[in-house]
Amino acid sequence: PDEPDNGLALCALHHKLFDRGALGLSPEHHVLVSSSFRAVGAGRAVSELHGRPLAPRPGAQLPADQHVGWHTSQVFKGQPLAA
């Protein structure tokens, strides 16, 4: 939904990857990269995001648990990369 607690400021590339299920968030707000994402060339930089915590600006609201859970169950593809 269009709610402040359901928002992330992402560049066009990461927004597309998030919408297509290649990127997601853990319940602890760490970046997840799907094991179905195939990194080649510059795409390896995306794989390196796996496990990194979100770094919101001071005062920024993190996505609410229910929105993170919905994205994980309905959009995120496959399993997260192995640690």
Protein backbone atom coordinates (compact mmCIF):
# COMPACT_ATOMS: atom_id res chain seq x y z
CA PRO A 1 0.00 0.00 0.00
CA ASP A 2 0.92 3.67 -0.35
CA GLU A 3 2.00 4.10 3.26
CA PRO A 4 5.12 5.77 4.70
CA ASP A 5 6.03 2.51 6.47
CA ASN A 6 6.01 0.68 3.12
CA GLY A 7 8.69 2.68 1.40
CA LEU A 8 12.34 2.39 0.47
CA ALA A 9 14.36 4.96 -1.44
CA LEU A 10 16.10 2.93 -4.14
CA CYS A 11 17.82 3.77 -7.40
CA ALA A 12 16.17 2.50 -10.58
CA LEU A 13 18.32 -0.66 -10.75
CA HIS A 14 17.74 -1.77 -7.17
CA HIS A 15 14.04 -0.83 -7.38
CA LYS A 16 13.61 -3.10 -10.40
CA LEU A 17 15.49 -5.95 -8.70
CA PHE A 18 13.33 -5.52 -5.57
CA ASP A 19 10.11 -5.49 -7.62
CA ARG A 20 11.19 -8.62 -9.53
CA GLY A 21 12.09 -10.53 -6.37
CA ALA A 22 15.85 -10.64 -6.79
CA LEU A 23 16.29 -8.43 -3.72
CA GLY A 24 14.43 -8.54 -0.44
CA LEU A 25 14.74 -7.77 3.25
CA SER A 26 15.16 -10.00 6.25
CA PRO A 27 12.97 -9.41 9.32
CA GLU A 28 16.04 -7.69 10.83
CA HIS A 29 16.18 -5.29 7.82
CA HIS A 30 19.24 -6.81 6.19
CA VAL A 31 19.41 -7.02 2.40
CA LEU A 32 18.64 -10.43 0.93
CA VAL A 33 19.78 -11.44 -2.55
CA SER A 34 17.91 -14.34 -4.10
CA SER A 35 19.84 -17.46 -5.00
CA SER A 36 18.04 -17.27 -8.36
CA PHE A 37 19.84 -14.00 -9.17
CA ARG A 38 22.69 -14.69 -11.58
CA ALA A 39 25.49 -12.19 -11.18
CA VAL A 40 27.75 -11.50 -14.15
CA GLY A 41 30.13 -8.60 -14.56
CA ALA A 42 28.90 -5.57 -12.65
CA GLY A 43 26.05 -7.68 -11.23
CA ARG A 44 28.50 -9.12 -8.73
CA ALA A 45 28.19 -5.85 -6.81
CA VAL A 46 24.52 -6.70 -6.25
CA SER A 47 25.43 -10.10 -4.78
CA GLU A 48 27.81 -8.35 -2.39
CA LEU A 49 24.83 -6.52 -0.85
CA HIS A 50 23.58 -9.78 0.68
CA GLY A 51 23.47 -9.57 4.45
CA ARG A 52 24.21 -5.85 4.67
CA PRO A 53 21.96 -3.92 7.04
CA LEU A 54 19.84 -1.08 5.74
CA ALA A 55 21.40 2.29 6.50
CA PRO A 56 18.46 4.68 6.75
CA ARG A 57 18.93 8.38 7.13
CA PRO A 58 18.41 9.66 10.68
CA GLY A 59 14.70 9.88 11.41
CA ALA A 60 13.73 7.72 8.41
CA GLN A 61 11.09 5.10 9.03
CA LEU A 62 12.03 1.48 8.34
CA PRO A 63 9.59 -0.69 6.38
CA ALA A 64 7.00 -2.24 8.70
CA ASP A 65 7.26 -5.94 9.49
CA GLN A 66 3.97 -6.76 7.74
CA HIS A 67 5.20 -5.20 4.47
CA VAL A 68 8.57 -6.96 4.66
CA GLY A 69 6.79 -10.25 5.34
CA TRP A 70 4.39 -9.74 2.43
CA HIS A 71 7.25 -8.99 0.02
CA THR A 72 9.16 -12.05 1.23
CA SER A 73 6.20 -14.40 0.77
CA GLN A 74 4.70 -12.89 -2.40
CA VAL A 75 7.56 -11.35 -4.40
CA PHE A 76 10.99 -12.58 -3.31
CA LYS A 77 12.08 -15.48 -5.49
CA GLY A 78 13.73 -18.63 -4.21
CA GLN A 79 15.98 -18.74 -1.20
CA PRO A 80 18.48 -16.12 0.02
CA LEU A 81 22.10 -16.64 -0.94
CA ALA A 82 24.08 -18.79 1.45
CA ALA A 83 26.04 -16.80 4.00
